[in-house]
Amino acid sequence: RVERAFAAILQDSREQQGLWQHLCLNGLREIVLLMARS
């Protein structure tokens, strides 16, 4: 999940299509919450 989230963040930040920043932030939230859960 962490690796998929990073890969998606990079893709969205490069393509910069609609709502890309929100999608990136969702990915970051998932990573941070997985860290907290660990």
PDB file of all heavy atoms in Angstrom:
ATOM      1  N   ARG A   1       0.827  -1.212   0.000  1.00  0.00           N
ATOM      2  CA  ARG A   1       0.000   0.000   0.000  1.00  0.00           C
ATOM      3  C   ARG A   1       0.858   1.256   0.000  1.00  0.00           C
ATOM      4  O   ARG A   1       0.561   2.226  -0.696  1.00  0.00           O
ATOM      5  CB  ARG A   1      -0.937  -0.007   1.205  1.00  0.00           C
ATOM      6  CG  ARG A   1      -2.042  -1.035   1.118  1.00  0.00           C
ATOM      7  CD  ARG A   1      -2.913  -1.041   2.352  1.00  0.00           C
ATOM      8  NE  ARG A   1      -3.682   0.177   2.492  1.00  0.00           N
ATOM      9  CZ  ARG A   1      -4.593   0.365   3.448  1.00  0.00           C
ATOM     10  NH1 ARG A   1      -4.807  -0.580   4.339  1.00  0.00           N
ATOM     11  NH2 ARG A   1      -5.260   1.501   3.506  1.00  0.00           N
ATOM     12  N   VAL A   2       1.939   1.238   0.786  1.00  0.00           N
ATOM     13  CA  VAL A   2       2.832   2.400   0.833  1.00  0.00           C
ATOM     14  C   VAL A   2       3.470   2.631  -0.531  1.00  0.00           C
ATOM     15  O   VAL A   2       3.505   3.761  -1.038  1.00  0.00           O
ATOM     16  CB  VAL A   2       3.917   2.206   1.911  1.00  0.00           C
ATOM     17  CG1 VAL A   2       5.030   3.238   1.757  1.00  0.00           C
ATOM     18  CG2 VAL A   2       3.297   2.315   3.300  1.00  0.00           C
ATOM     19  N   GLU A   3       3.959   1.567  -1.156  1.00  0.00           N
ATOM     20  CA  GLU A   3       4.601   1.715  -2.461  1.00  0.00           C
ATOM     21  C   GLU A   3       3.600   2.183  -3.512  1.00  0.00           C
ATOM     22  O   GLU A   3       3.925   3.043  -4.345  1.00  0.00           O
ATOM     23  CB  GLU A   3       5.252   0.397  -2.882  1.00  0.00           C
ATOM     24  CG  GLU A   3       6.452   0.020  -2.031  1.00  0.00           C
ATOM     25  CD  GLU A   3       7.252  -1.127  -2.613  1.00  0.00           C
ATOM     26  OE1 GLU A   3       7.211  -1.319  -3.841  1.00  0.00           O
ATOM     27  OE2 GLU A   3       7.920  -1.838  -1.841  1.00  0.00           O
ATOM     28  N   ARG A   4       2.380   1.641  -3.479  1.00  0.00           N
ATOM     29  CA  ARG A   4       1.352   2.089  -4.440  1.00  0.00           C
ATOM     30  C   ARG A   4       1.019   3.555  -4.229  1.00  0.00           C
ATOM     31  O   ARG A   4       0.828   4.307  -5.188  1.00  0.00           O
ATOM     32  CB  ARG A   4       0.092   1.236  -4.302  1.00  0.00           C
ATOM     33  CG  ARG A   4       0.201  -0.156  -4.888  1.00  0.00           C
ATOM     34  CD  ARG A   4      -1.183  -0.755  -5.125  1.00  0.00           C
ATOM     35  NE  ARG A   4      -1.987  -0.772  -3.914  1.00  0.00           N
ATOM     36  CZ  ARG A   4      -2.047  -1.789  -3.081  1.00  0.00           C
ATOM     37  NH1 ARG A   4      -1.338  -2.881  -3.321  1.00  0.00           N
ATOM     38  NH2 ARG A   4      -2.818  -1.749  -2.007  1.00  0.00           N
ATOM     39  N   ALA A   5       0.943   3.975  -2.960  1.00  0.00           N
ATOM     40  CA  ALA A   5       0.601   5.370  -2.665  1.00  0.00           C
ATOM     41  C   ALA A   5       1.680   6.305  -3.186  1.00  0.00           C
ATOM     42  O   ALA A   5       1.375   7.339  -3.802  1.00  0.00           O
ATOM     43  CB  ALA A   5       0.408   5.555  -1.157  1.00  0.00           C
ATOM     44  N   PHE A   6       2.948   5.971  -2.963  1.00  0.00           N
ATOM     45  CA  PHE A   6       4.030   6.811  -3.480  1.00  0.00           C
ATOM     46  C   PHE A   6       3.984   6.876  -5.006  1.00  0.00           C
ATOM     47  O   PHE A   6       4.135   7.952  -5.607  1.00  0.00           O
ATOM     48  CB  PHE A   6       5.386   6.298  -3.009  1.00  0.00           C
ATOM     49  CG  PHE A   6       5.846   6.886  -1.713  1.00  0.00           C
ATOM     50  CD1 PHE A   6       5.772   6.157  -0.534  1.00  0.00           C
ATOM     51  CD2 PHE A   6       6.356   8.169  -1.661  1.00  0.00           C
ATOM     52  CE1 PHE A   6       6.203   6.690   0.677  1.00  0.00           C
ATOM     53  CE2 PHE A   6       6.786   8.725  -0.456  1.00  0.00           C
ATOM     54  CZ  PHE A   6       6.707   7.981   0.714  1.00  0.00           C
ATOM     55  N   ALA A   7       3.806   5.717  -5.646  1.00  0.00           N
ATOM     56  CA  ALA A   7       3.771   5.695  -7.112  1.00  0.00           C
ATOM     57  C   ALA A   7       2.623   6.550  -7.646  1.00  0.00           C
ATOM     58  O   ALA A   7       2.773   7.282  -8.635  1.00  0.00           O
ATOM     59  CB  ALA A   7       3.649   4.255  -7.610  1.00  0.00           C
ATOM     60  N   ALA A   8       1.459   6.473  -6.995  1.00  0.00           N
ATOM     61  CA  ALA A   8       0.304   7.271  -7.431  1.00  0.00           C
ATOM     62  C   ALA A   8       0.549   8.759  -7.229  1.00  0.00           C
ATOM     63  O   ALA A   8       0.166   9.589  -8.059  1.00  0.00           O
ATOM     64  CB  ALA A   8      -0.946   6.830  -6.673  1.00  0.00           C
ATOM     65  N   ILE A   9       1.198   9.119  -6.112  1.00  0.00           N
ATOM     66  CA  ILE A   9       1.506  10.522  -5.850  1.00  0.00           C
ATOM     67  C   ILE A   9       2.405  11.078  -6.958  1.00  0.00           C
ATOM     68  O   ILE A   9       2.181  12.179  -7.480  1.00  0.00           O
ATOM     69  CB  ILE A   9       2.170  10.689  -4.478  1.00  0.00           C
ATOM     70  CG1 ILE A   9       1.164  10.414  -3.364  1.00  0.00           C
ATOM     71  CG2 ILE A   9       2.750  12.101  -4.313  1.00  0.00           C
ATOM     72  CD1 ILE A   9       1.795  10.246  -1.998  1.00  0.00           C
ATOM     73  N   LEU A  10       3.433  10.324  -7.331  1.00  0.00           N
ATOM     74  CA  LEU A  10       4.335  10.780  -8.378  1.00  0.00           C
ATOM     75  C   LEU A  10       3.599  10.937  -9.704  1.00  0.00           C
ATOM     76  O   LEU A  10       3.789  11.920 -10.428  1.00  0.00           O
ATOM     77  CB  LEU A  10       5.502   9.807  -8.543  1.00  0.00           C
ATOM     78  CG  LEU A  10       6.416   9.610  -7.343  1.00  0.00           C
ATOM     79  CD1 LEU A  10       7.685   8.870  -7.759  1.00  0.00           C
ATOM     80  CD2 LEU A  10       6.775  10.928  -6.681  1.00  0.00           C
ATOM     81  N   GLN A  11       2.743   9.970 -10.031  1.00  0.00           N
ATOM     82  CA  GLN A  11       1.997  10.054 -11.283  1.00  0.00           C
ATOM     83  C   GLN A  11       1.076  11.263 -11.308  1.00  0.00           C
ATOM     84  O   GLN A  11       1.054  12.031 -12.266  1.00  0.00           O
ATOM     85  CB  GLN A  11       1.184   8.771 -11.487  1.00  0.00           C
ATOM     86  CG  GLN A  11       0.350   8.794 -12.778  1.00  0.00           C
ATOM     87  CD  GLN A  11      -0.420   7.504 -12.979  1.00  0.00           C
ATOM     88  OE1 GLN A  11      -0.107   6.480 -12.384  1.00  0.00           O
ATOM     89  NE2 GLN A  11      -1.426   7.540 -13.828  1.00  0.00           N
ATOM     90  N   ASP A  12       0.320  11.449 -10.220  1.00  0.00           N
ATOM     91  CA  ASP A  12      -0.627  12.570 -10.184  1.00  0.00           C
ATOM     92  C   ASP A  12       0.087  13.911 -10.178  1.00  0.00           C
ATOM     93  O   ASP A  12      -0.360  14.871 -10.824  1.00  0.00           O
ATOM     94  CB  ASP A  12      -1.533  12.454  -8.955  1.00  0.00           C
ATOM     95  CG  ASP A  12      -2.531  11.317  -9.077  1.00  0.00           C
ATOM     96  OD1 ASP A  12      -2.986  11.046 -10.199  1.00  0.00           O
ATOM     97  OD2 ASP A  12      -2.855  10.697  -8.048  1.00  0.00           O
ATOM     98  N   SER A  13       1.205  14.006  -9.470  1.00  0.00           N
ATOM     99  CA  SER A  13       1.919  15.286  -9.392  1.00  0.00           C
ATOM    100  C   SER A  13       2.570  15.645 -10.721  1.00  0.00           C
ATOM    101  O   SER A  13       2.795  16.820 -11.011  1.00  0.00           O
ATOM    102  CB  SER A  13       2.968  15.246  -8.281  1.00  0.00           C
ATOM    103  OG  SER A  13       3.977  14.302  -8.560  1.00  0.00           O
ATOM    104  N   ARG A  14       2.881  14.641 -11.543  1.00  0.00           N
ATOM    105  CA  ARG A  14       3.471  14.913 -12.852  1.00  0.00           C
ATOM    106  C   ARG A  14       2.404  15.260 -13.885  1.00  0.00           C
ATOM    107  O   ARG A  14       2.562  16.189 -14.679  1.00  0.00           O
ATOM    108  CB  ARG A  14       4.276  13.705 -13.321  1.00  0.00           C
ATOM    109  CG  ARG A  14       5.558  13.475 -12.528  1.00  0.00           C
ATOM    110  CD  ARG A  14       6.138  12.112 -12.811  1.00  0.00           C
ATOM    111  NE  ARG A  14       7.387  11.891 -12.066  1.00  0.00           N
ATOM    112  CZ  ARG A  14       7.967  10.709 -11.936  1.00  0.00           C
ATOM    113  NH1 ARG A  14       7.420   9.634 -12.480  1.00  0.00           N
ATOM    114  NH2 ARG A  14       9.092  10.597 -11.246  1.00  0.00           N
ATOM    115  N   GLU A  15       1.305  14.505 -13.867  1.00  0.00           N
ATOM    116  CA  GLU A  15       0.254  14.745 -14.861  1.00  0.00           C
ATOM    117  C   GLU A  15      -0.539  16.013 -14.562  1.00  0.00           C
ATOM    118  O   GLU A  15      -0.995  16.698 -15.473  1.00  0.00           O
ATOM    119  CB  GLU A  15      -0.676  13.538 -14.919  1.00  0.00           C
ATOM    120  CG  GLU A  15       0.001  12.270 -15.415  1.00  0.00           C
ATOM    121  CD  GLU A  15      -0.927  11.072 -15.385  1.00  0.00           C
ATOM    122  OE1 GLU A  15      -2.070  11.218 -14.881  1.00  0.00           O
ATOM    123  OE2 GLU A  15      -0.510   9.999 -15.858  1.00  0.00           O
ATOM    124  N   GLN A  16      -0.749  16.294 -13.268  1.00  0.00           N
ATOM    125  CA  GLN A  16      -1.453  17.498 -12.813  1.00  0.00           C
ATOM    126  C   GLN A  16      -2.807  17.677 -13.506  1.00  0.00           C
ATOM    127  O   GLN A  16      -3.158  18.746 -13.973  1.00  0.00           O
ATOM    128  CB  GLN A  16      -0.578  18.738 -13.000  1.00  0.00           C
ATOM    129  CG  GLN A  16       0.675  18.703 -12.147  1.00  0.00           C
ATOM    130  CD  GLN A  16       1.391  20.030 -12.064  1.00  0.00           C
ATOM    131  OE1 GLN A  16       0.874  21.060 -12.490  1.00  0.00           O
ATOM    132  NE2 GLN A  16       2.580  20.022 -11.504  1.00  0.00           N
ATOM    133  N   GLN A  17      -3.563  16.573 -13.559  1.00  0.00           N
ATOM    134  CA  GLN A  17      -4.934  16.656 -14.045  1.00  0.00           C
ATOM    135  C   GLN A  17      -5.840  17.132 -12.911  1.00  0.00           C
ATOM    136  O   GLN A  17      -5.396  17.396 -11.808  1.00  0.00           O
ATOM    137  CB  GLN A  17      -5.374  15.298 -14.581  1.00  0.00           C
ATOM    138  CG  GLN A  17      -4.533  14.823 -15.758  1.00  0.00           C
ATOM    139  CD  GLN A  17      -5.089  13.580 -16.396  1.00  0.00           C
ATOM    140  OE1 GLN A  17      -6.292  13.445 -16.596  1.00  0.00           O
ATOM    141  NE2 GLN A  17      -4.210  12.641 -16.720  1.00  0.00           N
ATOM    142  N   GLY A  18      -7.129  17.240 -13.205  1.00  0.00           N
ATOM    143  CA  GLY A  18      -8.073  17.787 -12.245  1.00  0.00           C
ATOM    144  C   GLY A  18      -7.975  17.149 -10.870  1.00  0.00           C
ATOM    145  O   GLY A  18      -7.876  15.925 -10.762  1.00  0.00           O
ATOM    146  N   LEU A  19      -7.979  17.986  -9.827  1.00  0.00           N
ATOM    147  CA  LEU A  19      -7.950  17.563  -8.424  1.00  0.00           C
ATOM    148  C   LEU A  19      -6.682  16.787  -8.061  1.00  0.00           C
ATOM    149  O   LEU A  19      -6.660  16.049  -7.078  1.00  0.00           O
ATOM    150  CB  LEU A  19      -9.189  16.717  -8.090  1.00  0.00           C
ATOM    151  CG  LEU A  19     -10.541  17.404  -8.296  1.00  0.00           C
ATOM    152  CD1 LEU A  19     -11.682  16.443  -8.025  1.00  0.00           C
ATOM    153  CD2 LEU A  19     -10.666  18.622  -7.407  1.00  0.00           C
ATOM    154  N   TRP A  20      -5.614  16.995  -8.817  1.00  0.00           N
ATOM    155  CA  TRP A  20      -4.403  16.205  -8.578  1.00  0.00           C
ATOM    156  C   TRP A  20      -3.816  16.431  -7.194  1.00  0.00           C
ATOM    157  O   TRP A  20      -3.327  15.491  -6.566  1.00  0.00           O
ATOM    158  CB  TRP A  20      -3.360  16.499  -9.655  1.00  0.00           C
ATOM    159  CG  TRP A  20      -2.753  17.875  -9.600  1.00  0.00           C
ATOM    160  CD1 TRP A  20      -3.245  19.005 -10.170  1.00  0.00           C
ATOM    161  CD2 TRP A  20      -1.539  18.247  -8.941  1.00  0.00           C
ATOM    162  NE1 TRP A  20      -2.419  20.066  -9.921  1.00  0.00           N
ATOM    163  CE2 TRP A  20      -1.358  19.633  -9.171  1.00  0.00           C
ATOM    164  CE3 TRP A  20      -0.588  17.559  -8.200  1.00  0.00           C
ATOM    165  CZ2 TRP A  20      -0.265  20.337  -8.662  1.00  0.00           C
ATOM    166  CZ3 TRP A  20       0.503  18.252  -7.691  1.00  0.00           C
ATOM    167  CH2 TRP A  20       0.662  19.624  -7.928  1.00  0.00           C
ATOM    168  N   GLN A  21      -3.879  17.679  -6.709  1.00  0.00           N
ATOM    169  CA  GLN A  21      -3.317  17.937  -5.378  1.00  0.00           C
ATOM    170  C   GLN A  21      -4.093  17.203  -4.293  1.00  0.00           C
ATOM    171  O   GLN A  21      -3.506  16.673  -3.341  1.00  0.00           O
ATOM    172  CB  GLN A  21      -3.300  19.439  -5.097  1.00  0.00           C
ATOM    173  CG  GLN A  21      -2.317  20.190  -5.989  1.00  0.00           C
ATOM    174  CD  GLN A  21      -2.140  21.623  -5.552  1.00  0.00           C
ATOM    175  OE1 GLN A  21      -1.737  21.884  -4.426  1.00  0.00           O
ATOM    176  NE2 GLN A  21      -2.441  22.556  -6.433  1.00  0.00           N
ATOM    177  N   HIS A  22      -5.417  17.163  -4.436  1.00  0.00           N
ATOM    178  CA  HIS A  22      -6.242  16.441  -3.463  1.00  0.00           C
ATOM    179  C   HIS A  22      -5.913  14.950  -3.478  1.00  0.00           C
ATOM    180  O   HIS A  22      -5.848  14.304  -2.423  1.00  0.00           O
ATOM    181  CB  HIS A  22      -7.720  16.667  -3.755  1.00  0.00           C
ATOM    182  CG  HIS A  22      -8.149  18.089  -3.638  1.00  0.00           C
ATOM    183  ND1 HIS A  22      -8.390  18.695  -2.425  1.00  0.00           N
ATOM    184  CD2 HIS A  22      -8.354  19.040  -4.577  1.00  0.00           C
ATOM    185  CE1 HIS A  22      -8.740  19.950  -2.615  1.00  0.00           C
ATOM    186  NE2 HIS A  22      -8.727  20.184  -3.910  1.00  0.00           N
ATOM    187  N   LEU A  23      -5.726  14.394  -4.680  1.00  0.00           N
ATOM    188  CA  LEU A  23      -5.375  12.978  -4.781  1.00  0.00           C
ATOM    189  C   LEU A  23      -4.014  12.711  -4.138  1.00  0.00           C
ATOM    190  O   LEU A  23      -3.829  11.705  -3.439  1.00  0.00           O
ATOM    191  CB  LEU A  23      -5.365  12.551  -6.253  1.00  0.00           C
ATOM    192  CG  LEU A  23      -6.734  12.482  -6.928  1.00  0.00           C
ATOM    193  CD1 LEU A  23      -6.573  12.325  -8.439  1.00  0.00           C
ATOM    194  CD2 LEU A  23      -7.553  11.326  -6.364  1.00  0.00           C
ATOM    195  N   CYS A  24      -3.058  13.608  -4.371  1.00  0.00           N
ATOM    196  CA  CYS A  24      -1.739  13.451  -3.751  1.00  0.00           C
ATOM    197  C   CYS A  24      -1.845  13.489  -2.234  1.00  0.00           C
ATOM    198  O   CYS A  24      -1.207  12.689  -1.530  1.00  0.00           O
ATOM    199  CB  CYS A  24      -0.797  14.549  -4.241  1.00  0.00           C
ATOM    200  SG  CYS A  24      -0.267  14.375  -5.960  1.00  0.00           S
ATOM    201  N   LEU A  25      -2.623  14.431  -1.719  1.00  0.00           N
ATOM    202  CA  LEU A  25      -2.772  14.540  -0.269  1.00  0.00           C
ATOM    203  C   LEU A  25      -3.442  13.304   0.319  1.00  0.00           C
ATOM    204  O   LEU A  25      -3.097  12.862   1.413  1.00  0.00           O
ATOM    205  CB  LEU A  25      -3.556  15.804   0.085  1.00  0.00           C
ATOM    206  CG  LEU A  25      -2.818  17.119  -0.164  1.00  0.00           C
ATOM    207  CD1 LEU A  25      -3.743  18.301   0.085  1.00  0.00           C
ATOM    208  CD2 LEU A  25      -1.581  17.221   0.719  1.00  0.00           C
ATOM    209  N   ASN A  26      -4.398  12.739  -0.406  1.00  0.00           N
ATOM    210  CA  ASN A  26      -5.017  11.499   0.073  1.00  0.00           C
ATOM    211  C   ASN A  26      -3.989  10.385   0.175  1.00  0.00           C
ATOM    212  O   ASN A  26      -3.991   9.589   1.128  1.00  0.00           O
ATOM    213  CB  ASN A  26      -6.149  11.078  -0.861  1.00  0.00           C
ATOM    214  CG  ASN A  26      -7.424  11.864  -0.619  1.00  0.00           C
ATOM    215  OD1 ASN A  26      -7.596  12.473   0.428  1.00  0.00           O
ATOM    216  ND2 ASN A  26      -8.313  11.875  -1.592  1.00  0.00           N
ATOM    217  N   GLY A  27      -3.085  10.303  -0.820  1.00  0.00           N
ATOM    218  CA  GLY A  27      -2.034   9.306  -0.772  1.00  0.00           C
ATOM    219  C   GLY A  27      -1.106   9.518   0.412  1.00  0.00           C
ATOM    220  O   GLY A  27      -0.713   8.572   1.095  1.00  0.00           O
ATOM    221  N   LEU A  28      -0.756  10.765   0.664  1.00  0.00           N
ATOM    222  CA  LEU A  28       0.110  11.077   1.803  1.00  0.00           C
ATOM    223  C   LEU A  28      -0.571  10.746   3.125  1.00  0.00           C
ATOM    224  O   LEU A  28       0.068  10.233   4.051  1.00  0.00           O
ATOM    225  CB  LEU A  28       0.501  12.555   1.770  1.00  0.00           C
ATOM    226  CG  LEU A  28       1.541  12.924   0.711  1.00  0.00           C
ATOM    227  CD1 LEU A  28       1.572  14.434   0.499  1.00  0.00           C
ATOM    228  CD2 LEU A  28       2.920  12.408   1.120  1.00  0.00           C
ATOM    229  N   ARG A  29      -1.862  11.047   3.217  1.00  0.00           N
ATOM    230  CA  ARG A  29      -2.594  10.705   4.441  1.00  0.00           C
ATOM    231  C   ARG A  29      -2.561   9.201   4.686  1.00  0.00           C
ATOM    232  O   ARG A  29      -2.387   8.743   5.821  1.00  0.00           O
ATOM    233  CB  ARG A  29      -4.039  11.192   4.348  1.00  0.00           C
ATOM    234  CG  ARG A  29      -4.194  12.704   4.396  1.00  0.00           C
ATOM    235  CD  ARG A  29      -5.649  13.112   4.463  1.00  0.00           C
ATOM    236  NE  ARG A  29      -5.789  14.542   4.448  1.00  0.00           N
ATOM    237  CZ  ARG A  29      -6.078  15.275   3.368  1.00  0.00           C
ATOM    238  NH1 ARG A  29      -6.286  14.655   2.204  1.00  0.00           N
ATOM    239  NH2 ARG A  29      -6.169  16.574   3.429  1.00  0.00           N
ATOM    240  N   GLU A  30      -2.737   8.424   3.617  1.00  0.00           N
ATOM    241  CA  GLU A  30      -2.705   6.971   3.770  1.00  0.00           C
ATOM    242  C   GLU A  30      -1.349   6.516   4.289  1.00  0.00           C
ATOM    243  O   GLU A  30      -1.259   5.678   5.200  1.00  0.00           O
ATOM    244  CB  GLU A  30      -3.005   6.286   2.436  1.00  0.00           C
ATOM    245  CG  GLU A  30      -3.001   4.765   2.538  1.00  0.00           C
ATOM    246  CD  GLU A  30      -3.386   4.082   1.246  1.00  0.00           C
ATOM    247  OE1 GLU A  30      -3.358   4.730   0.186  1.00  0.00           O
ATOM    248  OE2 GLU A  30      -3.689   2.869   1.287  1.00  0.00           O
ATOM    249  N   ILE A  31      -0.265   7.065   3.738  1.00  0.00           N
ATOM    250  CA  ILE A  31       1.073   6.679   4.173  1.00  0.00           C
ATOM    251  C   ILE A  31       1.282   7.023   5.644  1.00  0.00           C
ATOM    252  O   ILE A  31       1.767   6.209   6.436  1.00  0.00           O
ATOM    253  CB  ILE A  31       2.138   7.367   3.305  1.00  0.00           C
ATOM    254  CG1 ILE A  31       2.052   6.862   1.865  1.00  0.00           C
ATOM    255  CG2 ILE A  31       3.536   7.117   3.872  1.00  0.00           C
ATOM    256  CD1 ILE A  31       2.829   7.699   0.872  1.00  0.00           C
ATOM    257  N   VAL A  32       0.918   8.247   6.024  1.00  0.00           N
ATOM    258  CA  VAL A  32       1.115   8.681   7.410  1.00  0.00           C
ATOM    259  C   VAL A  32       0.284   7.831   8.367  1.00  0.00           C
ATOM    260  O   VAL A  32       0.759   7.434   9.446  1.00  0.00           O
ATOM    261  CB  VAL A  32       0.761  10.176   7.554  1.00  0.00           C
ATOM    262  CG1 VAL A  32       0.699  10.589   9.024  1.00  0.00           C
ATOM    263  CG2 VAL A  32       1.793  11.036   6.818  1.00  0.00           C
ATOM    264  N   LEU A  33      -0.944   7.523   7.990  1.00  0.00           N
ATOM    265  CA  LEU A  33      -1.795   6.708   8.865  1.00  0.00           C
ATOM    266  C   LEU A  33      -1.281   5.269   8.958  1.00  0.00           C
ATOM    267  O   LEU A  33      -1.386   4.635  10.019  1.00  0.00           O
ATOM    268  CB  LEU A  33      -3.238   6.740   8.363  1.00  0.00           C
ATOM    269  CG  LEU A  33      -3.942   8.089   8.515  1.00  0.00           C
ATOM    270  CD1 LEU A  33      -5.305   8.067   7.837  1.00  0.00           C
ATOM    271  CD2 LEU A  33      -4.093   8.467   9.993  1.00  0.00           C
ATOM    272  N   LEU A  34      -0.729   4.744   7.875  1.00  0.00           N
ATOM    273  CA  LEU A  34      -0.126   3.412   7.946  1.00  0.00           C
ATOM    274  C   LEU A  34       1.094   3.420   8.858  1.00  0.00           C
ATOM    275  O   LEU A  34       1.345   2.458   9.592  1.00  0.00           O
ATOM    276  CB  LEU A  34       0.262   2.938   6.541  1.00  0.00           C
ATOM    277  CG  LEU A  34      -0.898   2.499   5.648  1.00  0.00           C
ATOM    278  CD1 LEU A  34      -0.422   2.306   4.214  1.00  0.00           C
ATOM    279  CD2 LEU A  34      -1.548   1.219   6.167  1.00  0.00           C
ATOM    280  N   MET A  35       1.860   4.509   8.841  1.00  0.00           N
ATOM    281  CA  MET A  35       2.976   4.652   9.778  1.00  0.00           C
ATOM    282  C   MET A  35       2.461   4.629  11.216  1.00  0.00           C
ATOM    283  O   MET A  35       3.004   3.931  12.075  1.00  0.00           O
ATOM    284  CB  MET A  35       3.717   5.959   9.521  1.00  0.00           C
ATOM    285  CG  MET A  35       4.487   6.023   8.217  1.00  0.00           C
ATOM    286  SD  MET A  35       5.192   7.675   7.950  1.00  0.00           S
ATOM    287  CE  MET A  35       6.436   7.740   9.258  1.00  0.00           C
ATOM    288  N   ALA A  36       1.405   5.400  11.460  1.00  0.00           N
ATOM    289  CA  ALA A  36       0.845   5.474  12.814  1.00  0.00           C
ATOM    290  C   ALA A  36       0.308   4.118  13.251  1.00  0.00           C
ATOM    291  O   ALA A  36       0.509   3.702  14.401  1.00  0.00           O
ATOM    292  CB  ALA A  36      -0.257   6.530  12.860  1.00  0.00           C
ATOM    293  N   ARG A  37      -0.357   3.418  12.341  1.00  0.00           N
ATOM    294  CA  ARG A  37      -0.895   2.109  12.702  1.00  0.00           C
ATOM    295  C   ARG A  37       0.220   1.110  12.988  1.00  0.00           C
ATOM    296  O   ARG A  37       0.109   0.279  13.900  1.00  0.00           O
ATOM    297  CB  ARG A  37      -1.791   1.572  11.580  1.00  0.00           C
ATOM    298  CG  ARG A  37      -2.560   0.324  11.974  1.00  0.00           C
ATOM    299  CD  ARG A  37      -3.528  -0.116  10.917  1.00  0.00           C
ATOM    300  NE  ARG A  37      -2.839  -0.673   9.762  1.00  0.00           N
ATOM    301  CZ  ARG A  37      -3.463  -1.214   8.715  1.00  0.00           C
ATOM    302  NH1 ARG A  37      -4.780  -1.212   8.673  1.00  0.00           N
ATOM    303  NH2 ARG A  37      -2.784  -1.708   7.703  1.00  0.00           N
ATOM    304  N   SER A  38       1.319   1.192  12.222  1.00  0.00           N
ATOM    305  CA  SER A  38       2.447   0.292  12.468  1.00  0.00           C
ATOM    306  C   SER A  38       3.014   0.491  13.864  1.00  0.00           C
ATOM    307  O   SER A  38       3.460  -0.459  14.516  1.00  0.00           O
ATOM    308  CB  SER A  38       3.545   0.527  11.426  1.00  0.00           C
ATOM    309  OG  SER A  38       3.129   0.121  10.147  1.00  0.00           O
TER     310      SER A  38
END
